[in-house]
Amino acid sequence: MLIGIAGPTASGKTTVTEIFTNEYDAAYMRYSQILSGIAKERDLDPTDKATLQNLYVSLRDERGENWLAQEIAERAKTLASEHLVIEGNRRKVDLDTLQEVAKARNEKLVFIFVDASPDTRFVRYNTRLEKQNKPPITHKSFTTLEQNPAEDEVDDLRQYAKAHGIYIDTDEYGIEEVKELVRGKLNI
């Protein structure tokens, strides 16, 4: 099974990914891992969200709309795991690529959008920064991150998941409830 996970910053995507990696031994890939590697090569901070967003946008302008999605697709070809999770989908072209990868693997695509309110995500983001020994950001700075061009199609993926996939609002569910919801929806 191919599982695509999307959602805005600090919504709980990695937590949902961990359900699959921990409980079902799924292989996983994250868009941000590729960007972090490129950032390191360029002596940029590979953990800074704004840096990765801006790097993505500049590379998208340079290499084309689907360059990162195609990189994910190429890497997916090398993984033979029964379950594969691709986390961090942000654009419609990412969804198209997930569908291509599922077809190439002869598997079903399950698309999950993980969401939470902006206030919840702001708190989670600053908690993440604290764990990285970085200073917290202001609500205004968080809003600026949300408005970066790298994030401009997130709502399209939200709407797709509501119509054709699984939509999980982590404001409504705790981690155990999310696990049960995922298990129930996927019959695993």
C-alpha atoms as a PDB file:
ATOM      1  CA  MET A   1       0.000   0.000   0.000  1.00  0.00           C
ATOM      2  CA  LEU A   2       1.210   3.511  -0.822  1.00  0.00           C
ATOM      3  CA  ILE A   3       0.252   6.135   1.735  1.00  0.00           C
ATOM      4  CA  GLY A   4       0.566   9.805   0.853  1.00  0.00           C
ATOM      5  CA  ILE A   5       0.445  12.185   3.785  1.00  0.00           C
ATOM      6  CA  ALA A   6      -0.156  15.888   3.435  1.00  0.00           C
ATOM      7  CA  GLY A   7      -1.024  18.751   5.735  1.00  0.00           C
ATOM      8  CA  PRO A   8       0.112  22.150   6.868  1.00  0.00           C
ATOM      9  CA  THR A   9       3.098  22.784   9.115  1.00  0.00           C
ATOM     10  CA  ALA A  10       2.926  21.100  12.551  1.00  0.00           C
ATOM     11  CA  SER A  11      -0.427  19.451  11.896  1.00  0.00           C
ATOM     12  CA  GLY A  12       0.703  15.970  12.959  1.00  0.00           C
ATOM     13  CA  LYS A  13       1.910  14.464   9.667  1.00  0.00           C
ATOM     14  CA  THR A  14       5.006  12.907  11.217  1.00  0.00           C
ATOM     15  CA  THR A  15       2.943  11.441  14.056  1.00  0.00           C
ATOM     16  CA  VAL A  16       0.661   9.735  11.537  1.00  0.00           C
ATOM     17  CA  THR A  17       3.707   8.586   9.549  1.00  0.00           C
ATOM     18  CA  GLU A  18       5.094   7.009  12.729  1.00  0.00           C
ATOM     19  CA  ILE A  19       1.938   4.900  13.054  1.00  0.00           C
ATOM     20  CA  PHE A  20       2.856   3.224   9.770  1.00  0.00           C
ATOM     21  CA  THR A  21       6.597   3.020  10.354  1.00  0.00           C
ATOM     22  CA  ASN A  22       6.312   1.730  13.930  1.00  0.00           C
ATOM     23  CA  GLU A  23       3.294  -0.548  13.667  1.00  0.00           C
ATOM     24  CA  TYR A  24       3.420  -1.754  10.065  1.00  0.00           C
ATOM     25  CA  ASP A  25       7.143  -1.563   9.289  1.00  0.00           C
ATOM     26  CA  ALA A  26       6.489   0.855   6.443  1.00  0.00           C
ATOM     27  CA  ALA A  27       9.312   2.499   4.579  1.00  0.00           C
ATOM     28  CA  TYR A  28       8.973   6.237   4.372  1.00  0.00           C
ATOM     29  CA  MET A  29      10.237   9.241   2.502  1.00  0.00           C
ATOM     30  CA  ARG A  30       9.810  12.914   3.256  1.00  0.00           C
ATOM     31  CA  TYR A  31      10.047  15.771   0.834  1.00  0.00           C
ATOM     32  CA  SER A  32      11.860  17.785   3.486  1.00  0.00           C
ATOM     33  CA  GLN A  33      14.643  15.164   3.694  1.00  0.00           C
ATOM     34  CA  ILE A  34      15.584  15.866   0.095  1.00  0.00           C
ATOM     35  CA  LEU A  35      15.474  19.616   0.659  1.00  0.00           C
ATOM     36  CA  SER A  36      17.490  19.288   3.867  1.00  0.00           C
ATOM     37  CA  GLY A  37      20.194  17.403   1.972  1.00  0.00           C
ATOM     38  CA  ILE A  38      20.394  20.127  -0.651  1.00  0.00           C
ATOM     39  CA  ALA A  39      20.451  22.793   2.060  1.00  0.00           C
ATOM     40  CA  LYS A  40      23.409  21.064   3.743  1.00  0.00           C
ATOM     41  CA  GLU A  41      25.267  20.936   0.419  1.00  0.00           C
ATOM     42  CA  ARG A  42      24.767  24.687   0.124  1.00  0.00           C
ATOM     43  CA  ASP A  43      25.761  25.421   3.732  1.00  0.00           C
ATOM     44  CA  LEU A  44      22.216  26.450   4.627  1.00  0.00           C
ATOM     45  CA  ASP A  45      20.389  25.510   7.839  1.00  0.00           C
ATOM     46  CA  PRO A  46      18.691  22.201   6.967  1.00  0.00           C
ATOM     47  CA  THR A  47      16.328  22.511   9.946  1.00  0.00           C
ATOM     48  CA  ASP A  48      14.966  25.986   9.222  1.00  0.00           C
ATOM     49  CA  LYS A  49      11.474  25.888   7.689  1.00  0.00           C
ATOM     50  CA  ALA A  50      11.745  29.252   5.887  1.00  0.00           C
ATOM     51  CA  THR A  51      15.121  28.254   4.417  1.00  0.00           C
ATOM     52  CA  LEU A  52      13.708  24.993   3.073  1.00  0.00           C
ATOM     53  CA  GLN A  53      10.613  26.716   1.692  1.00  0.00           C
ATOM     54  CA  ASN A  54      12.648  29.347  -0.111  1.00  0.00           C
ATOM     55  CA  LEU A  55      15.081  26.737  -1.405  1.00  0.00           C
ATOM     56  CA  TYR A  56      12.169  24.715  -2.754  1.00  0.00           C
ATOM     57  CA  VAL A  57      10.609  27.714  -4.497  1.00  0.00           C
ATOM     58  CA  SER A  58      13.913  28.754  -6.098  1.00  0.00           C
ATOM     59  CA  LEU A  59      14.609  25.197  -7.268  1.00  0.00           C
ATOM     60  CA  ARG A  60      11.047  24.868  -8.547  1.00  0.00           C
ATOM     61  CA  ASP A  61      11.577  28.008 -10.623  1.00  0.00           C
ATOM     62  CA  GLU A  62      14.909  26.652 -11.871  1.00  0.00           C
ATOM     63  CA  ARG A  63      14.084  22.954 -12.415  1.00  0.00           C
ATOM     64  CA  GLY A  64      10.340  22.947 -13.066  1.00  0.00           C
ATOM     65  CA  GLU A  65       7.102  22.476 -11.184  1.00  0.00           C
ATOM     66  CA  ASN A  66       7.470  18.760 -10.610  1.00  0.00           C
ATOM     67  CA  TRP A  67      11.201  18.393  -9.935  1.00  0.00           C
ATOM     68  CA  LEU A  68      10.838  17.408  -6.269  1.00  0.00           C
ATOM     69  CA  ALA A  69       7.913  15.088  -6.920  1.00  0.00           C
ATOM     70  CA  GLN A  70       9.911  13.354  -9.650  1.00  0.00           C
ATOM     71  CA  GLU A  71      12.854  12.955  -7.268  1.00  0.00           C
ATOM     72  CA  ILE A  72      10.489  11.263  -4.799  1.00  0.00           C
ATOM     73  CA  ALA A  73       9.165   8.995  -7.566  1.00  0.00           C
ATOM     74  CA  GLU A  74      12.691   7.935  -8.538  1.00  0.00           C
ATOM     75  CA  ARG A  75      13.605   7.160  -4.941  1.00  0.00           C
ATOM     76  CA  ALA A  76      10.355   5.235  -4.447  1.00  0.00           C
ATOM     77  CA  LYS A  77      11.411   2.847  -7.223  1.00  0.00           C
ATOM     78  CA  THR A  78      14.289   1.662  -5.025  1.00  0.00           C
ATOM     79  CA  LEU A  79      12.076   0.676  -2.067  1.00  0.00           C
ATOM     80  CA  ALA A  80      10.512  -2.762  -2.008  1.00  0.00           C
ATOM     81  CA  SER A  81       8.640  -2.425   1.287  1.00  0.00           C
ATOM     82  CA  GLU A  82       5.075  -3.749   1.485  1.00  0.00           C
ATOM     83  CA  HIS A  83       3.955  -0.331   2.746  1.00  0.00           C
ATOM     84  CA  LEU A  84       5.470   2.965   1.654  1.00  0.00           C
ATOM     85  CA  VAL A  85       4.656   6.331   3.217  1.00  0.00           C
ATOM     86  CA  ILE A  86       5.472   9.537   1.375  1.00  0.00           C
ATOM     87  CA  GLU A  87       5.100  12.472   3.741  1.00  0.00           C
ATOM     88  CA  GLY A  88       5.047  16.186   3.114  1.00  0.00           C
ATOM     89  CA  ASN A  89       3.010  16.436  -0.080  1.00  0.00           C
ATOM     90  CA  ARG A  90       2.246  20.104  -0.679  1.00  0.00           C
ATOM     91  CA  ARG A  91       1.166  20.494  -4.290  1.00  0.00           C
ATOM     92  CA  LYS A  92      -1.245  18.993  -6.802  1.00  0.00           C
ATOM     93  CA  VAL A  93       1.726  17.712  -8.816  1.00  0.00           C
ATOM     94  CA  ASP A  94       2.734  15.731  -5.703  1.00  0.00           C
ATOM     95  CA  LEU A  95      -0.662  14.039  -5.740  1.00  0.00           C
ATOM     96  CA  ASP A  96      -0.266  13.237  -9.447  1.00  0.00           C
ATOM     97  CA  THR A  97       3.142  11.714  -8.672  1.00  0.00           C
ATOM     98  CA  LEU A  98       1.702   9.634  -5.828  1.00  0.00           C
ATOM     99  CA  GLN A  99      -0.850   8.226  -8.254  1.00  0.00           C
ATOM    100  CA  GLU A 100       1.929   7.384 -10.743  1.00  0.00           C
ATOM    101  CA  VAL A 101       4.018   5.697  -8.039  1.00  0.00           C
ATOM    102  CA  ALA A 102       1.020   3.666  -6.838  1.00  0.00           C
ATOM    103  CA  LYS A 103       0.327   2.548 -10.390  1.00  0.00           C
ATOM    104  CA  ALA A 104       3.988   1.621 -10.967  1.00  0.00           C
ATOM    105  CA  ARG A 105       3.996  -0.369  -7.704  1.00  0.00           C
ATOM    106  CA  ASN A 106       0.615  -1.900  -8.605  1.00  0.00           C
ATOM    107  CA  GLU A 107      -0.745  -0.702  -5.279  1.00  0.00           C
ATOM    108  CA  LYS A 108      -3.641   1.212  -3.892  1.00  0.00           C
ATOM    109  CA  LEU A 109      -2.983   4.858  -2.997  1.00  0.00           C
ATOM    110  CA  VAL A 110      -4.343   6.035   0.316  1.00  0.00           C
ATOM    111  CA  PHE A 111      -4.172   9.804   0.642  1.00  0.00           C
ATOM    112  CA  ILE A 112      -4.314  11.235   4.160  1.00  0.00           C
ATOM    113  CA  PHE A 113      -4.527  14.909   5.019  1.00  0.00           C
ATOM    114  CA  VAL A 114      -3.614  15.740   8.602  1.00  0.00           C
ATOM    115  CA  ASP A 115      -4.916  19.073   9.840  1.00  0.00           C
ATOM    116  CA  ALA A 116      -5.182  21.227  12.950  1.00  0.00           C
ATOM    117  CA  SER A 117      -6.138  24.796  13.695  1.00  0.00           C
ATOM    118  CA  PRO A 118      -3.541  27.514  13.112  1.00  0.00           C
ATOM    119  CA  ASP A 119      -3.345  28.196  16.860  1.00  0.00           C
ATOM    120  CA  THR A 120      -2.666  24.537  17.664  1.00  0.00           C
ATOM    121  CA  ARG A 121      -0.055  24.313  14.935  1.00  0.00           C
ATOM    122  CA  PHE A 122       1.633  27.523  16.112  1.00  0.00           C
ATOM    123  CA  VAL A 123       2.048  26.042  19.600  1.00  0.00           C
ATOM    124  CA  ARG A 124       3.312  22.729  18.184  1.00  0.00           C
ATOM    125  CA  TYR A 125       5.769  24.496  15.911  1.00  0.00           C
ATOM    126  CA  ASN A 126       7.265  26.451  18.785  1.00  0.00           C
ATOM    127  CA  THR A 127       7.460  23.253  20.850  1.00  0.00           C
ATOM    128  CA  ARG A 128       9.412  21.702  17.980  1.00  0.00           C
ATOM    129  CA  LEU A 129      11.763  24.698  17.902  1.00  0.00           C
ATOM    130  CA  GLU A 130      12.286  24.428  21.656  1.00  0.00           C
ATOM    131  CA  LYS A 131      13.311  20.769  21.245  1.00  0.00           C
ATOM    132  CA  GLN A 132      15.857  21.932  18.637  1.00  0.00           C
ATOM    133  CA  ASN A 133      17.176  24.544  21.110  1.00  0.00           C
ATOM    134  CA  LYS A 134      15.955  27.332  18.845  1.00  0.00           C
ATOM    135  CA  PRO A 135      14.072  30.424  19.963  1.00  0.00           C
ATOM    136  CA  PRO A 136      10.301  30.515  19.463  1.00  0.00           C
ATOM    137  CA  ILE A 137       8.796  32.530  16.640  1.00  0.00           C
ATOM    138  CA  THR A 138       5.963  35.012  16.778  1.00  0.00           C
ATOM    139  CA  HIS A 139       2.481  34.320  15.524  1.00  0.00           C
ATOM    140  CA  LYS A 140       3.153  36.818  12.735  1.00  0.00           C
ATOM    141  CA  SER A 141       6.277  34.885  11.665  1.00  0.00           C
ATOM    142  CA  PHE A 142       4.312  31.636  11.714  1.00  0.00           C
ATOM    143  CA  THR A 143       1.642  33.215   9.523  1.00  0.00           C
ATOM    144  CA  THR A 144       4.387  34.328   7.117  1.00  0.00           C
ATOM    145  CA  LEU A 145       5.616  30.722   6.887  1.00  0.00           C
ATOM    146  CA  GLU A 146       2.067  29.619   6.110  1.00  0.00           C
ATOM    147  CA  GLN A 147       1.815  32.178   3.297  1.00  0.00           C
ATOM    148  CA  ASN A 148       5.058  31.167   1.582  1.00  0.00           C
ATOM    149  CA  PRO A 149       4.548  30.198  -2.092  1.00  0.00           C
ATOM    150  CA  ALA A 150       5.727  26.682  -1.197  1.00  0.00           C
ATOM    151  CA  GLU A 151       2.450  26.286   0.701  1.00  0.00           C
ATOM    152  CA  ASP A 152       0.062  27.753  -1.870  1.00  0.00           C
ATOM    153  CA  GLU A 153      -1.670  24.496  -2.855  1.00  0.00           C
ATOM    154  CA  VAL A 154      -2.048  22.903   0.573  1.00  0.00           C
ATOM    155  CA  ASP A 155      -5.750  23.758   0.663  1.00  0.00           C
ATOM    156  CA  ASP A 156      -6.268  22.007  -2.691  1.00  0.00           C
ATOM    157  CA  LEU A 157      -4.893  18.813  -1.136  1.00  0.00           C
ATOM    158  CA  ARG A 158      -7.103  19.309   1.917  1.00  0.00           C
ATOM    159  CA  GLN A 159     -10.163  19.461  -0.330  1.00  0.00           C
ATOM    160  CA  TYR A 160      -9.013  16.412  -2.305  1.00  0.00           C
ATOM    161  CA  ALA A 161      -8.616  14.373   0.888  1.00  0.00           C
ATOM    162  CA  LYS A 162     -12.047  15.401   2.137  1.00  0.00           C
ATOM    163  CA  ALA A 163     -13.577  14.189  -1.149  1.00  0.00           C
ATOM    164  CA  HIS A 164     -11.355  11.193  -2.023  1.00  0.00           C
ATOM    165  CA  GLY A 165      -9.087  10.326   0.871  1.00  0.00           C
ATOM    166  CA  ILE A 166      -8.876  10.458   4.627  1.00  0.00           C
ATOM    167  CA  TYR A 167      -9.093  13.767   6.463  1.00  0.00           C
ATOM    168  CA  ILE A 168      -7.904  13.843  10.080  1.00  0.00           C
ATOM    169  CA  ASP A 169      -8.284  16.909  12.282  1.00  0.00           C
ATOM    170  CA  THR A 170      -5.837  16.450  15.150  1.00  0.00           C
ATOM    171  CA  ASP A 171      -7.633  19.143  17.155  1.00  0.00           C
ATOM    172  CA  GLU A 172     -10.482  16.651  17.464  1.00  0.00           C
ATOM    173  CA  TYR A 173      -8.484  13.478  18.080  1.00  0.00           C
ATOM    174  CA  GLY A 174      -5.676  12.465  20.397  1.00  0.00           C
ATOM    175  CA  ILE A 175      -2.883  10.179  19.234  1.00  0.00           C
ATOM    176  CA  GLU A 176      -4.615   6.946  20.250  1.00  0.00           C
ATOM    177  CA  GLU A 177      -7.818   8.070  18.544  1.00  0.00           C
ATOM    178  CA  VAL A 178      -5.848   8.952  15.408  1.00  0.00           C
ATOM    179  CA  LYS A 179      -4.306   5.465  15.443  1.00  0.00           C
ATOM    180  CA  GLU A 180      -7.739   3.860  15.713  1.00  0.00           C
ATOM    181  CA  LEU A 181      -9.140   6.111  13.010  1.00  0.00           C
ATOM    182  CA  VAL A 182      -6.305   5.203  10.621  1.00  0.00           C
ATOM    183  CA  ARG A 183      -6.601   1.490  11.396  1.00  0.00           C
ATOM    184  CA  GLY A 184     -10.355   1.594  10.894  1.00  0.00           C
ATOM    185  CA  LYS A 185     -10.258   3.498   7.633  1.00  0.00           C
ATOM    186  CA  LEU A 186      -7.557   1.252   6.193  1.00  0.00           C
ATOM    187  CA  ASN A 187      -8.841  -2.012   7.695  1.00  0.00           C
ATOM    188  CA  ILE A 188      -5.389  -2.834   9.052  1.00  0.00           C
END
